[in-house]
PDB file of N, CA and C in Angstrom:
ATOM      1  N   MET A   1     -13.335  10.882  12.461  1.00  0.00           N
ATOM      2  CA  MET A   1     -12.611  10.735  11.217  1.00  0.00           C
ATOM      3  C   MET A   1     -13.337   9.688  10.367  1.00  0.00           C
ATOM      4  N   SER A   2     -13.557   9.998   9.115  1.00  0.00           N
ATOM      5  CA  SER A   2     -14.274   9.092   8.212  1.00  0.00           C
ATOM      6  C   SER A   2     -13.384   7.910   7.823  1.00  0.00           C
ATOM      7  N   THR A   3     -14.021   6.881   7.298  1.00  0.00           N
ATOM      8  CA  THR A   3     -13.286   5.711   6.824  1.00  0.00           C
ATOM      9  C   THR A   3     -12.310   6.116   5.735  1.00  0.00           C
ATOM     10  N   PHE A   4     -12.748   7.005   4.858  1.00  0.00           N
ATOM     11  CA  PHE A   4     -11.884   7.491   3.777  1.00  0.00           C
ATOM     12  C   PHE A   4     -10.646   8.167   4.354  1.00  0.00           C
ATOM     13  N   SER A   5     -10.830   9.032   5.339  1.00  0.00           N
ATOM     14  CA  SER A   5      -9.706   9.741   5.948  1.00  0.00           C
ATOM     15  C   SER A   5      -8.755   8.776   6.649  1.00  0.00           C
ATOM     16  N   ARG A   6      -9.325   7.766   7.313  1.00  0.00           N
ATOM     17  CA  ARG A   6      -8.475   6.770   7.977  1.00  0.00           C
ATOM     18  C   ARG A   6      -7.665   5.975   6.965  1.00  0.00           C
ATOM     19  N   THR A   7      -8.301   5.608   5.860  1.00  0.00           N
ATOM     20  CA  THR A   7      -7.593   4.867   4.815  1.00  0.00           C
ATOM     21  C   THR A   7      -6.473   5.706   4.228  1.00  0.00           C
ATOM     22  N   LEU A   8      -6.760   6.947   3.961  1.00  0.00           N
ATOM     23  CA  LEU A   8      -5.742   7.844   3.415  1.00  0.00           C
ATOM     24  C   LEU A   8      -4.592   8.015   4.398  1.00  0.00           C
ATOM     25  N   ALA A   9      -4.905   8.163   5.662  1.00  0.00           N
ATOM     26  CA  ALA A   9      -3.867   8.305   6.693  1.00  0.00           C
ATOM     27  C   ALA A   9      -3.028   7.032   6.796  1.00  0.00           C
ATOM     28  N   ARG A  10      -3.683   5.878   6.703  1.00  0.00           N
ATOM     29  CA  ARG A  10      -2.949   4.607   6.771  1.00  0.00           C
ATOM     30  C   ARG A  10      -2.003   4.453   5.584  1.00  0.00           C
ATOM     31  N   LEU A  11      -2.455   4.838   4.401  1.00  0.00           N
ATOM     32  CA  LEU A  11      -1.585   4.763   3.223  1.00  0.00           C
ATOM     33  C   LEU A  11      -0.403   5.716   3.348  1.00  0.00           C
ATOM     34  N   ALA A  12      -0.659   6.916   3.828  1.00  0.00           N
ATOM     35  CA  ALA A  12       0.424   7.891   4.009  1.00  0.00           C
ATOM     36  C   ALA A  12       1.427   7.387   5.044  1.00  0.00           C
ATOM     37  N   GLU A  13       0.928   6.785   6.113  1.00  0.00           N
ATOM     38  CA  GLU A  13       1.806   6.235   7.147  1.00  0.00           C
ATOM     39  C   GLU A  13       2.638   5.079   6.591  1.00  0.00           C
ATOM     40  N   LEU A  14       2.011   4.207   5.810  1.00  0.00           N
ATOM     41  CA  LEU A  14       2.726   3.101   5.192  1.00  0.00           C
ATOM     42  C   LEU A  14       3.829   3.622   4.266  1.00  0.00           C
ATOM     43  N   HIS A  15       3.496   4.618   3.477  1.00  0.00           N
ATOM     44  CA  HIS A  15       4.480   5.204   2.566  1.00  0.00           C
ATOM     45  C   HIS A  15       5.646   5.806   3.352  1.00  0.00           C
ATOM     46  N   ALA A  16       5.335   6.532   4.424  1.00  0.00           N
ATOM     47  CA  ALA A  16       6.389   7.134   5.247  1.00  0.00           C
ATOM     48  C   ALA A  16       7.266   6.067   5.892  1.00  0.00           C
ATOM     49  N   HIS A  17       6.655   4.972   6.287  1.00  0.00           N
ATOM     50  CA  HIS A  17       7.392   3.886   6.933  1.00  0.00           C
ATOM     51  C   HIS A  17       8.329   3.178   5.940  1.00  0.00           C
ATOM     52  N   LEU A  18       7.872   3.022   4.710  1.00  0.00           N
ATOM     53  CA  LEU A  18       8.657   2.306   3.711  1.00  0.00           C
ATOM     54  C   LEU A  18       9.660   3.185   2.965  1.00  0.00           C
ATOM     55  N   SER A  19       9.450   4.483   2.954  1.00  0.00           N
ATOM     56  CA  SER A  19      10.305   5.400   2.187  1.00  0.00           C
ATOM     57  C   SER A  19      11.791   5.301   2.521  1.00  0.00           C
ATOM     58  N   PRO A  20      12.174   5.094   3.783  1.00  0.00           N
ATOM     59  CA  PRO A  20      13.613   4.988   4.059  1.00  0.00           C
ATOM     60  C   PRO A  20      14.297   3.816   3.344  1.00  0.00           C
ATOM     61  N   LEU A  21      13.518   2.855   2.869  1.00  0.00           N
ATOM     62  CA  LEU A  21      14.097   1.719   2.151  1.00  0.00           C
ATOM     63  C   LEU A  21      14.360   2.019   0.680  1.00  0.00           C
ATOM     64  N   ARG A  22      13.916   3.196   0.224  1.00  0.00           N
ATOM     65  CA  ARG A  22      14.112   3.565  -1.189  1.00  0.00           C
ATOM     66  C   ARG A  22      15.604   3.537  -1.514  1.00  0.00           C
ATOM     67  N   GLY A  23      15.926   2.889  -2.613  1.00  0.00           N
ATOM     68  CA  GLY A  23      17.308   2.846  -3.080  1.00  0.00           C
ATOM     69  C   GLY A  23      18.196   1.905  -2.282  1.00  0.00           C
ATOM     70  N   ALA A  24      17.600   1.119  -1.398  1.00  0.00           N
ATOM     71  CA  ALA A  24      18.402   0.198  -0.581  1.00  0.00           C
ATOM     72  C   ALA A  24      19.132  -0.795  -1.473  1.00  0.00           C
ATOM     73  N   ASP A  25      20.326  -1.149  -1.048  1.00  0.00           N
ATOM     74  CA  ASP A  25      21.148  -2.094  -1.802  1.00  0.00           C
ATOM     75  C   ASP A  25      20.783  -3.512  -1.372  1.00  0.00           C
ATOM     76  N   SER A  26      19.608  -3.937  -1.819  1.00  0.00           N
ATOM     77  CA  SER A  26      19.115  -5.255  -1.472  1.00  0.00           C
ATOM     78  C   SER A  26      18.628  -5.937  -2.743  1.00  0.00           C
ATOM     79  N   ALA A  27      19.128  -7.130  -2.971  1.00  0.00           N
ATOM     80  CA  ALA A  27      18.741  -7.868  -4.169  1.00  0.00           C
ATOM     81  C   ALA A  27      17.243  -8.180  -4.166  1.00  0.00           C
ATOM     82  N   VAL A  28      16.691  -8.463  -2.995  1.00  0.00           N
ATOM     83  CA  VAL A  28      15.263  -8.782  -2.899  1.00  0.00           C
ATOM     84  C   VAL A  28      14.419  -7.567  -3.258  1.00  0.00           C
ATOM     85  N   LEU A  29      14.774  -6.408  -2.696  1.00  0.00           N
ATOM     86  CA  LEU A  29      14.010  -5.188  -2.992  1.00  0.00           C
ATOM     87  C   LEU A  29      14.126  -4.819  -4.465  1.00  0.00           C
ATOM     88  N   LYS A  30      15.324  -4.913  -5.008  1.00  0.00           N
ATOM     89  CA  LYS A  30      15.514  -4.571  -6.419  1.00  0.00           C
ATOM     90  C   LYS A  30      14.771  -5.545  -7.332  1.00  0.00           C
ATOM     91  N   ALA A  31      14.811  -6.820  -6.995  1.00  0.00           N
ATOM     92  CA  ALA A  31      14.138  -7.832  -7.821  1.00  0.00           C
ATOM     93  C   ALA A  31      12.624  -7.628  -7.829  1.00  0.00           C
ATOM     94  N   ASN A  32      12.090  -7.072  -6.772  1.00  0.00           N
ATOM     95  CA  ASN A  32      10.650  -6.835  -6.677  1.00  0.00           C
ATOM     96  C   ASN A  32      10.273  -5.391  -7.020  1.00  0.00           C
ATOM     97  N   HIS A  33      11.215  -4.664  -7.611  1.00  0.00           N
ATOM     98  CA  HIS A  33      10.978  -3.287  -8.066  1.00  0.00           C
ATOM     99  C   HIS A  33      10.388  -2.430  -6.945  1.00  0.00           C
ATOM    100  N   PHE A  34      11.027  -2.487  -5.798  1.00  0.00           N
ATOM    101  CA  PHE A  34      10.513  -1.804  -4.612  1.00  0.00           C
ATOM    102  C   PHE A  34      10.341  -0.308  -4.842  1.00  0.00           C
ATOM    103  N   ASP A  35      11.329   0.343  -5.434  1.00  0.00           N
ATOM    104  CA  ASP A  35      11.231   1.792  -5.642  1.00  0.00           C
ATOM    105  C   ASP A  35      10.041   2.146  -6.529  1.00  0.00           C
ATOM    106  N   ALA A  36       9.800   1.360  -7.570  1.00  0.00           N
ATOM    107  CA  ALA A  36       8.650   1.606  -8.448  1.00  0.00           C
ATOM    108  C   ALA A  36       7.344   1.384  -7.684  1.00  0.00           C
ATOM    109  N   GLN A  37       7.309   0.370  -6.839  1.00  0.00           N
ATOM    110  CA  GLN A  37       6.112   0.106  -6.035  1.00  0.00           C
ATOM    111  C   GLN A  37       5.858   1.245  -5.051  1.00  0.00           C
ATOM    112  N   LEU A  38       6.932   1.783  -4.491  1.00  0.00           N
ATOM    113  CA  LEU A  38       6.802   2.917  -3.578  1.00  0.00           C
ATOM    114  C   LEU A  38       6.269   4.143  -4.319  1.00  0.00           C
ATOM    115  N   ASP A  39       6.724   4.361  -5.537  1.00  0.00           N
ATOM    116  CA  ASP A  39       6.205   5.460  -6.362  1.00  0.00           C
ATOM    117  C   ASP A  39       4.715   5.263  -6.656  1.00  0.00           C
ATOM    118  N   GLU A  40       4.314   4.019  -6.921  1.00  0.00           N
ATOM    119  CA  GLU A  40       2.904   3.724  -7.188  1.00  0.00           C
ATOM    120  C   GLU A  40       2.052   3.975  -5.949  1.00  0.00           C
ATOM    121  N   LEU A  41       2.557   3.616  -4.788  1.00  0.00           N
ATOM    122  CA  LEU A  41       1.840   3.879  -3.537  1.00  0.00           C
ATOM    123  C   LEU A  41       1.642   5.384  -3.342  1.00  0.00           C
ATOM    124  N   ALA A  42       2.661   6.170  -3.644  1.00  0.00           N
ATOM    125  CA  ALA A  42       2.545   7.629  -3.541  1.00  0.00           C
ATOM    126  C   ALA A  42       1.511   8.163  -4.528  1.00  0.00           C
ATOM    127  N   ALA A  43       1.486   7.617  -5.739  1.00  0.00           N
ATOM    128  CA  ALA A  43       0.522   8.063  -6.752  1.00  0.00           C
ATOM    129  C   ALA A  43      -0.904   7.730  -6.331  1.00  0.00           C
ATOM    130  N   ILE A  44      -1.108   6.553  -5.755  1.00  0.00           N
ATOM    131  CA  ILE A  44      -2.442   6.169  -5.279  1.00  0.00           C
ATOM    132  C   ILE A  44      -2.885   7.106  -4.160  1.00  0.00           C
ATOM    133  N   THR A  45      -1.987   7.415  -3.255  1.00  0.00           N
ATOM    134  CA  THR A  45      -2.304   8.333  -2.157  1.00  0.00           C
ATOM    135  C   THR A  45      -2.690   9.703  -2.700  1.00  0.00           C
ATOM    136  N   ASP A  46      -1.954  10.180  -3.695  1.00  0.00           N
ATOM    137  CA  ASP A  46      -2.279  11.478  -4.299  1.00  0.00           C
ATOM    138  C   ASP A  46      -3.652  11.450  -4.971  1.00  0.00           C
ATOM    139  N   ASP A  47      -3.970  10.363  -5.666  1.00  0.00           N
ATOM    140  CA  ASP A  47      -5.282  10.244  -6.303  1.00  0.00           C
ATOM    141  C   ASP A  47      -6.397  10.255  -5.262  1.00  0.00           C
ATOM    142  N   LEU A  48      -6.194   9.577  -4.145  1.00  0.00           N
ATOM    143  CA  LEU A  48      -7.205   9.569  -3.090  1.00  0.00           C
ATOM    144  C   LEU A  48      -7.407  10.964  -2.495  1.00  0.00           C
ATOM    145  N   LYS A  49      -6.334  11.712  -2.380  1.00  0.00           N
ATOM    146  CA  LYS A  49      -6.456  13.100  -1.904  1.00  0.00           C
ATOM    147  C   LYS A  49      -7.296  13.917  -2.887  1.00  0.00           C
ATOM    148  N   ARG A  50      -7.096  13.696  -4.167  1.00  0.00           N
ATOM    149  CA  ARG A  50      -7.890  14.395  -5.183  1.00  0.00           C
ATOM    150  C   ARG A  50      -9.349  14.001  -5.097  1.00  0.00           C
ATOM    151  N   LEU A  51      -9.622  12.718  -4.808  1.00  0.00           N
ATOM    152  CA  LEU A  51     -11.008  12.268  -4.680  1.00  0.00           C
ATOM    153  C   LEU A  51     -11.736  13.011  -3.572  1.00  0.00           C
ATOM    154  N   ARG A  52     -11.039  13.305  -2.483  1.00  0.00           N
ATOM    155  CA  ARG A  52     -11.659  14.051  -1.393  1.00  0.00           C
ATOM    156  C   ARG A  52     -12.130  15.425  -1.888  1.00  0.00           C
ATOM    157  N   GLY A  53     -11.296  16.110  -2.646  1.00  0.00           N
ATOM    158  CA  GLY A  53     -11.668  17.416  -3.190  1.00  0.00           C
ATOM    159  C   GLY A  53     -12.827  17.330  -4.162  1.00  0.00           C
ATOM    160  N   ILE A  54     -12.833  16.280  -4.978  1.00  0.00           N
ATOM    161  CA  ILE A  54     -13.930  16.084  -5.921  1.00  0.00           C
ATOM    162  C   ILE A  54     -15.232  15.844  -5.168  1.00  0.00           C
ATOM    163  N   GLY A  55     -15.163  15.054  -4.112  1.00  0.00           N
ATOM    164  CA  GLY A  55     -16.351  14.798  -3.297  1.00  0.00           C
ATOM    165  C   GLY A  55     -16.907  16.069  -2.684  1.00  0.00           C
ATOM    166  N   LEU A  56     -16.026  16.935  -2.215  1.00  0.00           N
ATOM    167  CA  LEU A  56     -16.474  18.212  -1.646  1.00  0.00           C
ATOM    168  C   LEU A  56     -17.129  19.084  -2.715  1.00  0.00           C
ATOM    169  N   GLU A  57     -16.549  19.095  -3.897  1.00  0.00           N
ATOM    170  CA  GLU A  57     -17.112  19.885  -4.995  1.00  0.00           C
ATOM    171  C   GLU A  57     -18.487  19.354  -5.381  1.00  0.00           C
ATOM    172  N   LEU A  58     -18.629  18.042  -5.472  1.00  0.00           N
ATOM    173  CA  LEU A  58     -19.927  17.455  -5.798  1.00  0.00           C
ATOM    174  C   LEU A  58     -20.960  17.752  -4.713  1.00  0.00           C
ATOM    175  N   SER A  59     -20.531  17.761  -3.472  1.00  0.00           N
ATOM    176  CA  SER A  59     -21.430  18.106  -2.368  1.00  0.00           C
ATOM    177  C   SER A  59     -21.910  19.549  -2.499  1.00  0.00           C
ATOM    178  N   ASN A  60     -21.015  20.446  -2.886  1.00  0.00           N
ATOM    179  CA  ASN A  60     -21.396  21.848  -3.093  1.00  0.00           C
ATOM    180  C   ASN A  60     -22.394  21.990  -4.241  1.00  0.00           C
ATOM    181  N   VAL A  61     -22.161  21.262  -5.320  1.00  0.00           N
ATOM    182  CA  VAL A  61     -23.086  21.319  -6.454  1.00  0.00           C
ATOM    183  C   VAL A  61     -24.450  20.775  -6.039  1.00  0.00           C
ATOM    184  N   ARG A  62     -24.456  19.685  -5.297  1.00  0.00           N
ATOM    185  CA  ARG A  62     -25.737  19.136  -4.845  1.00  0.00           C
ATOM    186  C   ARG A  62     -26.481  20.145  -3.978  1.00  0.00           C
ATOM    187  N   GLY A  63     -25.761  20.819  -3.085  1.00  0.00           N
ATOM    188  CA  GLY A  63     -26.392  21.840  -2.256  1.00  0.00           C
ATOM    189  C   GLY A  63     -26.974  22.969  -3.093  1.00  0.00           C
ATOM    190  N   ALA A  64     -26.255  23.370  -4.125  1.00  0.00           N
ATOM    191  CA  ALA A  64     -26.742  24.437  -4.999  1.00  0.00           C
ATOM    192  C   ALA A  64     -27.989  23.986  -5.762  1.00  0.00           C
ATOM    193  N   VAL A  65     -27.994  22.742  -6.244  1.00  0.00           N
ATOM    194  CA  VAL A  65     -29.164  22.235  -6.961  1.00  0.00           C
ATOM    195  C   VAL A  65     -30.358  22.114  -6.013  1.00  0.00           C
ATOM    196  N   ASP A  66     -30.129  21.648  -4.794  1.00  0.00           N
ATOM    197  CA  ASP A  66     -31.209  21.580  -3.801  1.00  0.00           C
ATOM    198  C   ASP A  66     -31.804  22.963  -3.545  1.00  0.00           C
ATOM    199  N   MET A  67     -30.930  23.960  -3.418  1.00  0.00           N
ATOM    200  CA  MET A  67     -31.397  25.319  -3.171  1.00  0.00           C
ATOM    201  C   MET A  67     -32.185  25.836  -4.368  1.00  0.00           C
ATOM    202  N   LEU A  68     -31.704  25.544  -5.570  1.00  0.00           N
ATOM    203  CA  LEU A  68     -32.408  25.965  -6.780  1.00  0.00           C
ATOM    204  C   LEU A  68     -33.795  25.323  -6.844  1.00  0.00           C
ATOM    205  N   LEU A  69     -33.877  24.049  -6.480  1.00  0.00           N
ATOM    206  CA  LEU A  69     -35.177  23.378  -6.470  1.00  0.00           C
ATOM    207  C   LEU A  69     -36.118  24.010  -5.448  1.00  0.00           C
ATOM    208  N   GLU A  70     -35.600  24.396  -4.300  1.00  0.00           N
ATOM    209  CA  GLU A  70     -36.418  25.082  -3.298  1.00  0.00           C
ATOM    210  C   GLU A  70     -36.929  26.414  -3.835  1.00  0.00           C
ATOM    211  N   LEU A  71     -36.061  27.146  -4.530  1.00  0.00           N
ATOM    212  CA  LEU A  71     -36.471  28.429  -5.111  1.00  0.00           C
ATOM    213  C   LEU A  71     -37.545  28.222  -6.184  1.00  0.00           C
ATOM    214  N   LEU A  72     -37.357  27.208  -7.006  1.00  0.00           N
ATOM    215  CA  LEU A  72     -38.348  26.927  -8.049  1.00  0.00           C
ATOM    216  C   LEU A  72     -39.677  26.495  -7.441  1.00  0.00           C
ATOM    217  N   ASP A  73     -39.616  25.723  -6.373  1.00  0.00           N
ATOM    218  CA  ASP A  73     -40.834  25.297  -5.702  1.00  0.00           C
ATOM    219  C   ASP A  73     -41.567  26.498  -5.100  1.00  0.00           C
ATOM    220  N   ALA A  74     -40.808  27.418  -4.514  1.00  0.00           N
ATOM    221  CA  ALA A  74     -41.416  28.603  -3.914  1.00  0.00           C
ATOM    222  C   ALA A  74     -42.009  29.527  -4.973  1.00  0.00           C
ATOM    223  N   ALA A  75     -41.485  29.475  -6.183  1.00  0.00           N
ATOM    224  CA  ALA A  75     -41.951  30.350  -7.258  1.00  0.00           C
ATOM    225  C   ALA A  75     -42.867  29.618  -8.232  1.00  0.00           C
ATOM    226  N   HIS A  76     -43.553  28.595  -7.766  1.00  0.00           N
ATOM    227  CA  HIS A  76     -44.332  27.769  -8.680  1.00  0.00           C
ATOM    228  C   HIS A  76     -45.457  28.535  -9.385  1.00  0.00           C
ATOM    229  N   ASN A  77     -45.919  29.635  -8.833  1.00  0.00           N
ATOM    230  CA  ASN A  77     -46.991  30.420  -9.448  1.00  0.00           C
ATOM    231  C   ASN A  77     -46.468  31.509 -10.377  1.00  0.00           C
ATOM    232  N   ARG A  78     -45.164  31.671 -10.426  1.00  0.00           N
ATOM    233  CA  ARG A  78     -44.578  32.759 -11.224  1.00  0.00           C
ATOM    234  C   ARG A  78     -44.090  32.236 -12.566  1.00  0.00           C
ATOM    235  N   LYS A  79     -44.156  33.137 -13.539  1.00  0.00           N
ATOM    236  CA  LYS A  79     -43.629  32.827 -14.860  1.00  0.00           C
ATOM    237  C   LYS A  79     -42.097  32.924 -14.765  1.00  0.00           C
ATOM    238  N   LEU A  80     -41.418  31.899 -15.221  1.00  0.00           N
ATOM    239  CA  LEU A  80     -39.961  31.868 -15.141  1.00  0.00           C
ATOM    240  C   LEU A  80     -39.356  32.063 -16.525  1.00  0.00           C
ATOM    241  N   ASP A  81     -38.276  32.799 -16.558  1.00  0.00           N
ATOM    242  CA  ASP A  81     -37.545  33.060 -17.794  1.00  0.00           C
ATOM    243  C   ASP A  81     -36.504  31.959 -17.998  1.00  0.00           C
ATOM    244  N   GLY A  82     -36.576  31.277 -19.125  1.00  0.00           N
ATOM    245  CA  GLY A  82     -35.628  30.204 -19.428  1.00  0.00           C
ATOM    246  C   GLY A  82     -34.184  30.681 -19.446  1.00  0.00           C
ATOM    247  N   GLY A  83     -33.958  31.898 -19.871  1.00  0.00           N
ATOM    248  CA  GLY A  83     -32.603  32.454 -19.896  1.00  0.00           C
ATOM    249  C   GLY A  83     -32.026  32.599 -18.502  1.00  0.00           C
ATOM    250  N   HIS A  84     -32.873  32.981 -17.554  1.00  0.00           N
ATOM    251  CA  HIS A  84     -32.415  33.115 -16.173  1.00  0.00           C
ATOM    252  C   HIS A  84     -32.050  31.745 -15.601  1.00  0.00           C
ATOM    253  N   LEU A  85     -32.907  30.767 -15.874  1.00  0.00           N
ATOM    254  CA  LEU A  85     -32.609  29.411 -15.404  1.00  0.00           C
ATOM    255  C   LEU A  85     -31.315  28.889 -16.035  1.00  0.00           C
ATOM    256  N   HIS A  86     -31.124  29.180 -17.293  1.00  0.00           N
ATOM    257  CA  HIS A  86     -29.902  28.758 -17.985  1.00  0.00           C
ATOM    258  C   HIS A  86     -28.676  29.359 -17.302  1.00  0.00           C
ATOM    259  N   CYS A  87     -28.753  30.642 -16.944  1.00  0.00           N
ATOM    260  CA  CYS A  87     -27.634  31.308 -16.270  1.00  0.00           C
ATOM    261  C   CYS A  87     -27.348  30.689 -14.899  1.00  0.00           C
ATOM    262  N   LEU A  88     -28.387  30.234 -14.221  1.00  0.00           N
ATOM    263  CA  LEU A  88     -28.197  29.594 -12.922  1.00  0.00           C
ATOM    264  C   LEU A  88     -27.601  28.189 -13.060  1.00  0.00           C
ATOM    265  N   LEU A  89     -28.045  27.463 -14.077  1.00  0.00           N
ATOM    266  CA  LEU A  89     -27.636  26.072 -14.220  1.00  0.00           C
ATOM    267  C   LEU A  89     -26.297  25.880 -14.927  1.00  0.00           C
ATOM    268  N   LYS A  90     -25.926  26.803 -15.812  1.00  0.00           N
ATOM    269  CA  LYS A  90     -24.705  26.633 -16.601  1.00  0.00           C
ATOM    270  C   LYS A  90     -23.458  26.445 -15.731  1.00  0.00           C
ATOM    271  N   PRO A  91     -23.232  27.255 -14.680  1.00  0.00           N
ATOM    272  CA  PRO A  91     -22.046  27.026 -13.850  1.00  0.00           C
ATOM    273  C   PRO A  91     -22.078  25.677 -13.125  1.00  0.00           C
ATOM    274  N   LEU A  92     -23.267  25.237 -12.733  1.00  0.00           N
ATOM    275  CA  LEU A  92     -23.371  23.940 -12.054  1.00  0.00           C
ATOM    276  C   LEU A  92     -23.020  22.801 -13.001  1.00  0.00           C
ATOM    277  N   VAL A  93     -23.481  22.903 -14.233  1.00  0.00           N
ATOM    278  CA  VAL A  93     -23.151  21.885 -15.232  1.00  0.00           C
ATOM    279  C   VAL A  93     -21.646  21.891 -15.487  1.00  0.00           C
ATOM    280  N   GLY A  94     -21.042  23.070 -15.524  1.00  0.00           N
ATOM    281  CA  GLY A  94     -19.592  23.162 -15.708  1.00  0.00           C
ATOM    282  C   GLY A  94     -18.835  22.491 -14.573  1.00  0.00           C
ATOM    283  N   LYS A  95     -19.272  22.722 -13.337  1.00  0.00           N
ATOM    284  CA  LYS A  95     -18.624  22.099 -12.186  1.00  0.00           C
ATOM    285  C   LYS A  95     -18.801  20.586 -12.202  1.00  0.00           C
ATOM    286  N   LEU A  96     -19.978  20.123 -12.590  1.00  0.00           N
ATOM    287  CA  LEU A  96     -20.196  18.674 -12.706  1.00  0.00           C
ATOM    288  C   LEU A  96     -19.285  18.075 -13.775  1.00  0.00           C
ATOM    289  N   GLY A  97     -19.138  18.772 -14.878  1.00  0.00           N
ATOM    290  CA  GLY A  97     -18.255  18.300 -15.951  1.00  0.00           C
ATOM    291  C   GLY A  97     -16.802  18.228 -15.498  1.00  0.00           C
ATOM    292  N   GLN A  98     -16.353  19.230 -14.748  1.00  0.00           N
ATOM    293  CA  GLN A  98     -14.985  19.218 -14.238  1.00  0.00           C
ATOM    294  C   GLN A  98     -14.772  18.053 -13.269  1.00  0.00           C
ATOM    295  N   ALA A  99     -15.759  17.817 -12.410  1.00  0.00           N
ATOM    296  CA  ALA A  99     -15.663  16.715 -11.460  1.00  0.00           C
ATOM    297  C   ALA A  99     -15.626  15.377 -12.203  1.00  0.00           C
ATOM    298  N   GLU A 100     -16.461  15.257 -13.223  1.00  0.00           N
ATOM    299  CA  GLU A 100     -16.477  14.024 -14.019  1.00  0.00           C
ATOM    300  C   GLU A 100     -15.138  13.796 -14.721  1.00  0.00           C
ATOM    301  N   ASP A 101     -14.571  14.856 -15.280  1.00  0.00           N
ATOM    302  CA  ASP A 101     -13.258  14.745 -15.941  1.00  0.00           C
ATOM    303  C   ASP A 101     -12.182  14.314 -14.944  1.00  0.00           C
ATOM    304  N   ALA A 102     -12.211  14.906 -13.754  1.00  0.00           N
ATOM    305  CA  ALA A 102     -11.222  14.553 -12.729  1.00  0.00           C
ATOM    306  C   ALA A 102     -11.379  13.096 -12.301  1.00  0.00           C
ATOM    307  N   LEU A 103     -12.619  12.657 -12.165  1.00  0.00           N
ATOM    308  CA  LEU A 103     -12.863  11.244 -11.816  1.00  0.00           C
ATOM    309  C   LEU A 103     -12.370  10.320 -12.915  1.00  0.00           C
ATOM    310  N   ASP A 104     -12.595  10.698 -14.173  1.00  0.00           N
ATOM    311  CA  ASP A 104     -12.122   9.881 -15.284  1.00  0.00           C
ATOM    312  C   ASP A 104     -10.598   9.743 -15.261  1.00  0.00           C
ATOM    313  N   GLU A 105      -9.898  10.819 -14.890  1.00  0.00           N
ATOM    314  CA  GLU A 105      -8.437  10.775 -14.806  1.00  0.00           C
ATOM    315  C   GLU A 105      -7.975   9.796 -13.733  1.00  0.00           C
ATOM    316  N   ILE A 106      -8.689   9.792 -12.620  1.00  0.00           N
ATOM    317  CA  ILE A 106      -8.296   8.958 -11.480  1.00  0.00           C
ATOM    318  C   ILE A 106      -8.686   7.500 -11.688  1.00  0.00           C
ATOM    319  N   LEU A 107      -9.922   7.313 -12.157  1.00  0.00           N
ATOM    320  CA  LEU A 107     -10.425   5.952 -12.297  1.00  0.00           C
ATOM    321  C   LEU A 107     -10.010   5.352 -13.618  1.00  0.00           C
TER     322      LEU A 107
END
């Protein structure tokens, strides 16, 4: 299990452990906005889950770019059509843009 996965699991466990205290009739908890803090902990956990998906998507894009570079290297003696390269790269740029937008939302 990666450090990221362990951290996410620890946060989820902490949230599960503290959740039964939600709405408790305690002056200390209310004074420290416990329910709002619990909601924030849940939001952070959700953002971290999204980061995992973004990381996987970026890994896929990197693999695709590596493969494209291998193909270009193998075809170094051939005339390449810019339109074909554009068609190959456009979806990768779109995926990178989506990942960047998602990161901007989280960070």
